[in-house]
Amino acid sequence: MARLVTLDITNTCIRIATSPGFHYAKIGREFDLNLDPQQLDSAFRKSFKAHNLSHPCFGAQQGLTSRDWWRMVTTELFVQVGVDSNELNEKLATRVFDDFAGPANWEVFPDVEPSLKKIKQAGIVLGVISNFDERLESIITALGIRQYFDFIIASVYTKCAKPNPRIFEMALQECSGIEANASVHVGDDYELDYLAAKNFGMKSLLLVREGTSKENIPRDTPTVSSLTEVCSHLRL
């Protein structure tokens, strides 16, 4: 039996209750802006990707705060959709960052808490390995699942992100005596979660929730559709 299970967080344990674009459009209406949620979603993906490449780990490697990092992402995406007021963009960025710091815009998948309980009751160490900023702790605390995790490894603090093997090594350091081959990592991203953990030496399962495409996933990849299936895989 595995002695350690580590989980990704976003789209594995929790998800945004609505799309980023929908929420940004909602905030925009508070400032008398009529913005298209789909355009905002597209702008978000472009801006997030660009800043993730230029300033990885939410800017921690360059000495930025994650609030600074998200201000750059959010300001740029609003500029992309035609909001060119610096003052207004500052207000929008602040509002977005604060809104996503609490539980209101997040939801826990229904299979998560029962599965976490079952894993903990089996005496298995539970941890989080996530490319996330410092809001992670407060978010999952407010959502009621922090209590199940023995440790949280977030890229903003480690200054390295999945798929860097260093972040998995840090997880093992949190539970001295447990080897990689006695550990299982579960996440929804083929490269960042499944392949990265496997290459590090951990057992690895790819979470492919219902409605998610398997088109680009190699056929021999071990997949589960829920954390309930993870429990079955662990023979719990």
C-alpha atoms as a PDB file:
ATOM      1  CA  MET A   1       0.000   0.000   0.000  1.00  0.00           C
ATOM      2  CA  ALA A   2       1.128   3.548  -0.703  1.00  0.00           C
ATOM      3  CA  ARG A   3       2.390   5.438   2.324  1.00  0.00           C
ATOM      4  CA  LEU A   4       2.037   8.892   0.761  1.00  0.00           C
ATOM      5  CA  VAL A   5      -0.538  10.358  -1.626  1.00  0.00           C
ATOM      6  CA  THR A   6       0.015  13.809  -3.094  1.00  0.00           C
ATOM      7  CA  LEU A   7      -2.639  15.696  -5.003  1.00  0.00           C
ATOM      8  CA  ASP A   8      -2.752  18.576  -7.395  1.00  0.00           C
ATOM      9  CA  ILE A   9      -5.398  21.124  -6.387  1.00  0.00           C
ATOM     10  CA  THR A  10      -6.895  23.053  -9.318  1.00  0.00           C
ATOM     11  CA  ASN A  11      -9.255  20.873 -11.384  1.00  0.00           C
ATOM     12  CA  THR A  12      -8.264  17.917  -9.215  1.00  0.00           C
ATOM     13  CA  CYS A  13      -9.742  18.860  -5.838  1.00  0.00           C
ATOM     14  CA  ILE A  14     -11.298  22.247  -6.525  1.00  0.00           C
ATOM     15  CA  ARG A  15     -12.323  24.296  -9.529  1.00  0.00           C
ATOM     16  CA  ILE A  16     -13.396  27.835 -10.340  1.00  0.00           C
ATOM     17  CA  ALA A  17     -17.164  27.993  -9.950  1.00  0.00           C
ATOM     18  CA  THR A  18     -17.502  29.912 -13.225  1.00  0.00           C
ATOM     19  CA  SER A  19     -15.055  30.624 -16.020  1.00  0.00           C
ATOM     20  CA  PRO A  20     -12.542  33.442 -15.374  1.00  0.00           C
ATOM     21  CA  GLY A  21     -14.070  35.426 -18.243  1.00  0.00           C
ATOM     22  CA  PHE A  22     -17.571  35.189 -16.812  1.00  0.00           C
ATOM     23  CA  HIS A  23     -16.380  36.437 -13.432  1.00  0.00           C
ATOM     24  CA  TYR A  24     -14.243  39.221 -14.929  1.00  0.00           C
ATOM     25  CA  ALA A  25     -17.242  40.367 -16.969  1.00  0.00           C
ATOM     26  CA  LYS A  26     -19.334  40.404 -13.801  1.00  0.00           C
ATOM     27  CA  ILE A  27     -16.768  42.603 -12.059  1.00  0.00           C
ATOM     28  CA  GLY A  28     -16.575  44.796 -15.152  1.00  0.00           C
ATOM     29  CA  ARG A  29     -20.315  45.491 -14.918  1.00  0.00           C
ATOM     30  CA  GLU A  30     -19.750  46.928 -11.440  1.00  0.00           C
ATOM     31  CA  PHE A  31     -17.575  49.535 -13.186  1.00  0.00           C
ATOM     32  CA  ASP A  32     -20.117  50.130 -15.992  1.00  0.00           C
ATOM     33  CA  LEU A  33     -18.187  47.985 -18.485  1.00  0.00           C
ATOM     34  CA  ASN A  34     -19.985  45.667 -20.893  1.00  0.00           C
ATOM     35  CA  LEU A  35     -17.382  43.011 -21.702  1.00  0.00           C
ATOM     36  CA  ASP A  36     -17.667  39.695 -23.537  1.00  0.00           C
ATOM     37  CA  PRO A  37     -16.881  36.727 -21.224  1.00  0.00           C
ATOM     38  CA  GLN A  38     -15.533  34.642 -24.117  1.00  0.00           C
ATOM     39  CA  GLN A  39     -13.142  37.384 -25.186  1.00  0.00           C
ATOM     40  CA  LEU A  40     -12.046  37.750 -21.577  1.00  0.00           C
ATOM     41  CA  ASP A  41     -11.432  33.995 -21.326  1.00  0.00           C
ATOM     42  CA  SER A  42      -9.283  34.088 -24.446  1.00  0.00           C
ATOM     43  CA  ALA A  43      -7.381  37.147 -23.195  1.00  0.00           C
ATOM     44  CA  PHE A  44      -6.889  35.470 -19.811  1.00  0.00           C
ATOM     45  CA  ARG A  45      -5.317  32.367 -21.358  1.00  0.00           C
ATOM     46  CA  LYS A  46      -2.922  34.450 -23.466  1.00  0.00           C
ATOM     47  CA  SER A  47      -1.909  36.754 -20.628  1.00  0.00           C
ATOM     48  CA  PHE A  48      -1.527  33.960 -18.072  1.00  0.00           C
ATOM     49  CA  LYS A  49       0.635  31.892 -20.417  1.00  0.00           C
ATOM     50  CA  ALA A  50       2.864  34.829 -21.327  1.00  0.00           C
ATOM     51  CA  HIS A  51       3.499  35.912 -17.741  1.00  0.00           C
ATOM     52  CA  ASN A  52       3.918  32.335 -16.543  1.00  0.00           C
ATOM     53  CA  LEU A  53       6.777  32.015 -19.026  1.00  0.00           C
ATOM     54  CA  SER A  54       8.384  35.395 -18.339  1.00  0.00           C
ATOM     55  CA  HIS A  55       7.839  35.439 -14.568  1.00  0.00           C
ATOM     56  CA  PRO A  56       7.422  31.829 -13.365  1.00  0.00           C
ATOM     57  CA  CYS A  57       6.153  30.859  -9.902  1.00  0.00           C
ATOM     58  CA  PHE A  58       4.005  34.004  -9.747  1.00  0.00           C
ATOM     59  CA  GLY A  59       7.080  36.215  -9.973  1.00  0.00           C
ATOM     60  CA  ALA A  60       8.692  34.750  -6.848  1.00  0.00           C
ATOM     61  CA  GLN A  61      11.957  34.135  -8.700  1.00  0.00           C
ATOM     62  CA  GLN A  62      12.134  37.853  -9.595  1.00  0.00           C
ATOM     63  CA  GLY A  63      11.079  39.129  -6.173  1.00  0.00           C
ATOM     64  CA  LEU A  64       7.525  40.030  -7.165  1.00  0.00           C
ATOM     65  CA  THR A  65       4.557  39.395  -4.918  1.00  0.00           C
ATOM     66  CA  SER A  66       1.805  37.259  -6.371  1.00  0.00           C
ATOM     67  CA  ARG A  67      -0.494  40.286  -6.128  1.00  0.00           C
ATOM     68  CA  ASP A  68       1.969  42.153  -8.391  1.00  0.00           C
ATOM     69  CA  TRP A  69       2.069  39.183 -10.758  1.00  0.00           C
ATOM     70  CA  TRP A  70      -1.690  38.868 -11.007  1.00  0.00           C
ATOM     71  CA  ARG A  71      -2.004  42.643 -11.448  1.00  0.00           C
ATOM     72  CA  MET A  72       0.164  42.351 -14.568  1.00  0.00           C
ATOM     73  CA  VAL A  73      -1.854  39.403 -15.898  1.00  0.00           C
ATOM     74  CA  THR A  74      -5.219  41.024 -15.211  1.00  0.00           C
ATOM     75  CA  THR A  75      -4.267  44.481 -16.443  1.00  0.00           C
ATOM     76  CA  GLU A  76      -2.948  43.057 -19.699  1.00  0.00           C
ATOM     77  CA  LEU A  77      -6.049  40.983 -20.358  1.00  0.00           C
ATOM     78  CA  PHE A  78      -8.354  43.947 -19.771  1.00  0.00           C
ATOM     79  CA  VAL A  79      -6.211  46.031 -22.139  1.00  0.00           C
ATOM     80  CA  GLN A  80      -6.595  43.255 -24.739  1.00  0.00           C
ATOM     81  CA  VAL A  81     -10.377  43.670 -24.635  1.00  0.00           C
ATOM     82  CA  GLY A  82     -10.209  47.457 -24.912  1.00  0.00           C
ATOM     83  CA  VAL A  83     -10.052  48.768 -21.338  1.00  0.00           C
ATOM     84  CA  ASP A  84      -7.263  51.351 -21.623  1.00  0.00           C
ATOM     85  CA  SER A  85      -7.641  53.306 -18.374  1.00  0.00           C
ATOM     86  CA  ASN A  86      -4.693  52.652 -16.049  1.00  0.00           C
ATOM     87  CA  GLU A  87      -6.652  53.771 -13.013  1.00  0.00           C
ATOM     88  CA  LEU A  88      -9.611  51.567 -13.853  1.00  0.00           C
ATOM     89  CA  ASN A  89      -7.404  48.576 -14.629  1.00  0.00           C
ATOM     90  CA  GLU A  90      -5.743  48.921 -11.211  1.00  0.00           C
ATOM     91  CA  LYS A  91      -9.145  48.815  -9.542  1.00  0.00           C
ATOM     92  CA  LEU A  92     -10.232  45.830 -11.627  1.00  0.00           C
ATOM     93  CA  ALA A  93      -7.012  43.920 -10.887  1.00  0.00           C
ATOM     94  CA  THR A  94      -7.308  44.515  -7.144  1.00  0.00           C
ATOM     95  CA  ARG A  95     -10.935  43.426  -7.145  1.00  0.00           C
ATOM     96  CA  VAL A  96     -10.197  40.230  -9.098  1.00  0.00           C
ATOM     97  CA  PHE A  97      -7.286  39.220  -6.866  1.00  0.00           C
ATOM     98  CA  ASP A  98      -9.253  39.728  -3.652  1.00  0.00           C
ATOM     99  CA  ASP A  99     -12.334  37.951  -5.011  1.00  0.00           C
ATOM    100  CA  PHE A 100     -10.373  34.788  -5.763  1.00  0.00           C
ATOM    101  CA  ALA A 101      -8.696  34.777  -2.332  1.00  0.00           C
ATOM    102  CA  GLY A 102     -11.856  33.451  -0.681  1.00  0.00           C
ATOM    103  CA  PRO A 103     -14.192  30.499  -1.192  1.00  0.00           C
ATOM    104  CA  ALA A 104     -17.001  32.281  -3.060  1.00  0.00           C
ATOM    105  CA  ASN A 105     -15.571  31.681  -6.529  1.00  0.00           C
ATOM    106  CA  TRP A 106     -14.326  28.146  -5.915  1.00  0.00           C
ATOM    107  CA  GLU A 107     -16.040  24.806  -5.414  1.00  0.00           C
ATOM    108  CA  VAL A 108     -14.908  21.390  -4.203  1.00  0.00           C
ATOM    109  CA  PHE A 109     -15.648  18.400  -6.426  1.00  0.00           C
ATOM    110  CA  PRO A 110     -18.229  16.200  -4.676  1.00  0.00           C
ATOM    111  CA  ASP A 111     -15.980  13.116  -4.605  1.00  0.00           C
ATOM    112  CA  VAL A 112     -13.102  14.913  -2.891  1.00  0.00           C
ATOM    113  CA  GLU A 113     -13.949  15.139   0.805  1.00  0.00           C
ATOM    114  CA  PRO A 114     -15.227  11.536   1.179  1.00  0.00           C
ATOM    115  CA  SER A 115     -12.081  10.297  -0.580  1.00  0.00           C
ATOM    116  CA  LEU A 116      -9.751  12.421   1.552  1.00  0.00           C
ATOM    117  CA  LYS A 117     -11.429  11.067   4.677  1.00  0.00           C
ATOM    118  CA  LYS A 118     -10.975   7.485   3.496  1.00  0.00           C
ATOM    119  CA  ILE A 119      -7.297   8.014   2.649  1.00  0.00           C
ATOM    120  CA  LYS A 120      -6.600   9.640   6.030  1.00  0.00           C
ATOM    121  CA  GLN A 121      -8.434   6.873   7.892  1.00  0.00           C
ATOM    122  CA  ALA A 122      -6.124   4.367   6.215  1.00  0.00           C
ATOM    123  CA  GLY A 123      -3.156   6.105   7.841  1.00  0.00           C
ATOM    124  CA  ILE A 124      -1.735   7.391   4.567  1.00  0.00           C
ATOM    125  CA  VAL A 125       0.089  10.725   4.578  1.00  0.00           C
ATOM    126  CA  LEU A 126      -1.723  13.272   2.395  1.00  0.00           C
ATOM    127  CA  GLY A 127      -0.075  16.256   0.775  1.00  0.00           C
ATOM    128  CA  VAL A 128      -0.639  18.905  -1.881  1.00  0.00           C
ATOM    129  CA  ILE A 129       1.771  19.700  -4.712  1.00  0.00           C
ATOM    130  CA  SER A 130       0.385  22.664  -6.617  1.00  0.00           C
ATOM    131  CA  ASN A 131       1.477  25.437  -8.932  1.00  0.00           C
ATOM    132  CA  PHE A 132      -0.411  28.025  -6.889  1.00  0.00           C
ATOM    133  CA  ASP A 133       0.161  31.266  -5.014  1.00  0.00           C
ATOM    134  CA  GLU A 134      -0.109  32.008  -1.282  1.00  0.00           C
ATOM    135  CA  ARG A 135      -3.906  32.210  -1.388  1.00  0.00           C
ATOM    136  CA  LEU A 136      -4.087  28.414  -1.621  1.00  0.00           C
ATOM    137  CA  GLU A 137      -3.991  27.833   2.141  1.00  0.00           C
ATOM    138  CA  SER A 138      -6.827  30.249   2.909  1.00  0.00           C
ATOM    139  CA  ILE A 139      -8.938  29.007  -0.001  1.00  0.00           C
ATOM    140  CA  ILE A 140      -8.869  25.328   0.912  1.00  0.00           C
ATOM    141  CA  THR A 141      -9.271  26.183   4.603  1.00  0.00           C
ATOM    142  CA  ALA A 142     -12.431  28.144   3.832  1.00  0.00           C
ATOM    143  CA  LEU A 143     -13.651  25.315   1.582  1.00  0.00           C
ATOM    144  CA  GLY A 144     -13.269  22.866   4.479  1.00  0.00           C
ATOM    145  CA  ILE A 145     -10.603  20.481   3.123  1.00  0.00           C
ATOM    146  CA  ARG A 146      -7.340  21.871   4.564  1.00  0.00           C
ATOM    147  CA  GLN A 147      -7.725  19.655   7.633  1.00  0.00           C
ATOM    148  CA  TYR A 148      -7.085  16.507   5.616  1.00  0.00           C
ATOM    149  CA  PHE A 149      -3.649  17.496   4.343  1.00  0.00           C
ATOM    150  CA  ASP A 150      -0.449  16.955   6.294  1.00  0.00           C
ATOM    151  CA  PHE A 151       1.457  19.485   4.203  1.00  0.00           C
ATOM    152  CA  ILE A 152       1.063  21.970   1.349  1.00  0.00           C
ATOM    153  CA  ILE A 153       3.755  22.485  -1.292  1.00  0.00           C
ATOM    154  CA  ALA A 154       2.953  25.573  -3.397  1.00  0.00           C
ATOM    155  CA  SER A 155       5.184  26.848  -6.181  1.00  0.00           C
ATOM    156  CA  VAL A 156       5.071  30.442  -4.940  1.00  0.00           C
ATOM    157  CA  TYR A 157       7.028  29.365  -1.859  1.00  0.00           C
ATOM    158  CA  THR A 158       9.315  26.750  -3.417  1.00  0.00           C
ATOM    159  CA  LYS A 159      10.205  29.082  -6.321  1.00  0.00           C
ATOM    160  CA  CYS A 160      10.004  26.060  -8.596  1.00  0.00           C
ATOM    161  CA  ALA A 161       6.951  24.588 -10.252  1.00  0.00           C
ATOM    162  CA  LYS A 162       5.793  21.298 -11.685  1.00  0.00           C
ATOM    163  CA  PRO A 163       7.194  19.619 -13.756  1.00  0.00           C
ATOM    164  CA  ASN A 164      10.478  20.515 -11.975  1.00  0.00           C
ATOM    165  CA  PRO A 165      11.449  17.390  -9.976  1.00  0.00           C
ATOM    166  CA  ARG A 166      12.617  19.617  -7.139  1.00  0.00           C
ATOM    167  CA  ILE A 167       9.032  20.314  -6.084  1.00  0.00           C
ATOM    168  CA  PHE A 168       8.342  16.570  -5.737  1.00  0.00           C
ATOM    169  CA  GLU A 169      11.576  16.144  -3.805  1.00  0.00           C
ATOM    170  CA  MET A 170      10.401  18.825  -1.365  1.00  0.00           C
ATOM    171  CA  ALA A 171       7.203  16.849  -0.808  1.00  0.00           C
ATOM    172  CA  LEU A 172       9.175  13.757   0.187  1.00  0.00           C
ATOM    173  CA  GLN A 173      11.264  15.866   2.552  1.00  0.00           C
ATOM    174  CA  GLU A 174       8.045  16.739   4.386  1.00  0.00           C
ATOM    175  CA  CYS A 175       7.595  13.087   5.359  1.00  0.00           C
ATOM    176  CA  SER A 176      11.005  11.664   6.220  1.00  0.00           C
ATOM    177  CA  GLY A 177      11.430   7.981   5.551  1.00  0.00           C
ATOM    178  CA  ILE A 178       8.901   7.648   2.730  1.00  0.00           C
ATOM    179  CA  GLU A 179      10.500   6.828  -0.605  1.00  0.00           C
ATOM    180  CA  ALA A 180       9.247   7.956  -4.007  1.00  0.00           C
ATOM    181  CA  ASN A 181       8.248   4.406  -4.975  1.00  0.00           C
ATOM    182  CA  ALA A 182       5.942   4.232  -1.921  1.00  0.00           C
ATOM    183  CA  SER A 183       4.175   7.419  -3.025  1.00  0.00           C
ATOM    184  CA  VAL A 184       1.355   8.157  -5.462  1.00  0.00           C
ATOM    185  CA  HIS A 185       0.722  11.510  -7.132  1.00  0.00           C
ATOM    186  CA  VAL A 186      -2.646  12.348  -8.685  1.00  0.00           C
ATOM    187  CA  GLY A 187      -3.363  15.319 -10.922  1.00  0.00           C
ATOM    188  CA  ASP A 188      -5.230  16.366 -14.051  1.00  0.00           C
ATOM    189  CA  ASP A 189      -2.343  17.541 -16.237  1.00  0.00           C
ATOM    190  CA  TYR A 190      -0.511  14.906 -18.284  1.00  0.00           C
ATOM    191  CA  GLU A 191       2.863  16.693 -18.380  1.00  0.00           C
ATOM    192  CA  LEU A 192       2.837  18.665 -15.124  1.00  0.00           C
ATOM    193  CA  ASP A 193       1.338  15.935 -12.962  1.00  0.00           C
ATOM    194  CA  TYR A 194       1.375  12.446 -14.440  1.00  0.00           C
ATOM    195  CA  LEU A 195       4.622  12.523 -16.426  1.00  0.00           C
ATOM    196  CA  ALA A 196       6.518  14.740 -13.981  1.00  0.00           C
ATOM    197  CA  ALA A 197       5.727  12.531 -10.977  1.00  0.00           C
ATOM    198  CA  LYS A 198       6.442   9.347 -12.924  1.00  0.00           C
ATOM    199  CA  ASN A 199       9.814  10.651 -14.107  1.00  0.00           C
ATOM    200  CA  PHE A 200      10.656  11.565 -10.522  1.00  0.00           C
ATOM    201  CA  GLY A 201      10.040   7.970  -9.469  1.00  0.00           C
ATOM    202  CA  MET A 202       6.617   8.237  -7.884  1.00  0.00           C
ATOM    203  CA  LYS A 203       3.667   6.135  -8.904  1.00  0.00           C
ATOM    204  CA  SER A 204       1.360   8.371 -10.849  1.00  0.00           C
ATOM    205  CA  LEU A 205      -2.296   8.514 -11.858  1.00  0.00           C
ATOM    206  CA  LEU A 206      -3.811  10.948 -14.338  1.00  0.00           C
ATOM    207  CA  LEU A 207      -7.199  12.303 -13.314  1.00  0.00           C
ATOM    208  CA  VAL A 208      -9.492  12.637 -16.333  1.00  0.00           C
ATOM    209  CA  ARG A 209     -12.835  13.830 -15.034  1.00  0.00           C
ATOM    210  CA  GLU A 210     -16.056  13.226 -16.919  1.00  0.00           C
ATOM    211  CA  GLY A 211     -16.336  15.559 -19.883  1.00  0.00           C
ATOM    212  CA  THR A 212     -12.556  15.928 -20.264  1.00  0.00           C
ATOM    213  CA  SER A 213     -11.043  14.828 -23.573  1.00  0.00           C
ATOM    214  CA  LYS A 214      -8.591  11.911 -23.668  1.00  0.00           C
ATOM    215  CA  GLU A 215      -7.592  12.737 -27.243  1.00  0.00           C
ATOM    216  CA  ASN A 216      -3.952  13.663 -26.552  1.00  0.00           C
ATOM    217  CA  ILE A 217      -3.335  11.170 -23.745  1.00  0.00           C
ATOM    218  CA  PRO A 218      -1.223   8.095 -24.630  1.00  0.00           C
ATOM    219  CA  ARG A 219      -3.268   4.903 -24.385  1.00  0.00           C
ATOM    220  CA  ASP A 220      -1.026   3.258 -21.807  1.00  0.00           C
ATOM    221  CA  THR A 221      -1.497   6.108 -19.298  1.00  0.00           C
ATOM    222  CA  PRO A 222      -3.174   4.899 -16.086  1.00  0.00           C
ATOM    223  CA  THR A 223      -6.211   7.137 -15.591  1.00  0.00           C
ATOM    224  CA  VAL A 224      -8.932   7.606 -13.005  1.00  0.00           C
ATOM    225  CA  SER A 225     -12.135   9.611 -13.405  1.00  0.00           C
ATOM    226  CA  SER A 226     -12.513  10.630  -9.746  1.00  0.00           C
ATOM    227  CA  LEU A 227     -10.781  10.488  -6.384  1.00  0.00           C
ATOM    228  CA  THR A 228     -13.211   7.692  -5.549  1.00  0.00           C
ATOM    229  CA  GLU A 229     -11.380   5.632  -8.162  1.00  0.00           C
ATOM    230  CA  VAL A 230      -8.081   6.626  -6.570  1.00  0.00           C
ATOM    231  CA  CYS A 231      -9.312   5.035  -3.333  1.00  0.00           C
ATOM    232  CA  SER A 232     -10.194   1.871  -5.248  1.00  0.00           C
ATOM    233  CA  HIS A 233      -6.745   1.899  -6.858  1.00  0.00           C
ATOM    234  CA  LEU A 234      -5.239   2.136  -3.354  1.00  0.00           C
ATOM    235  CA  ARG A 235      -7.505  -0.757  -2.280  1.00  0.00           C
ATOM    236  CA  LEU A 236      -9.269   1.305   0.347  1.00  0.00           C
END
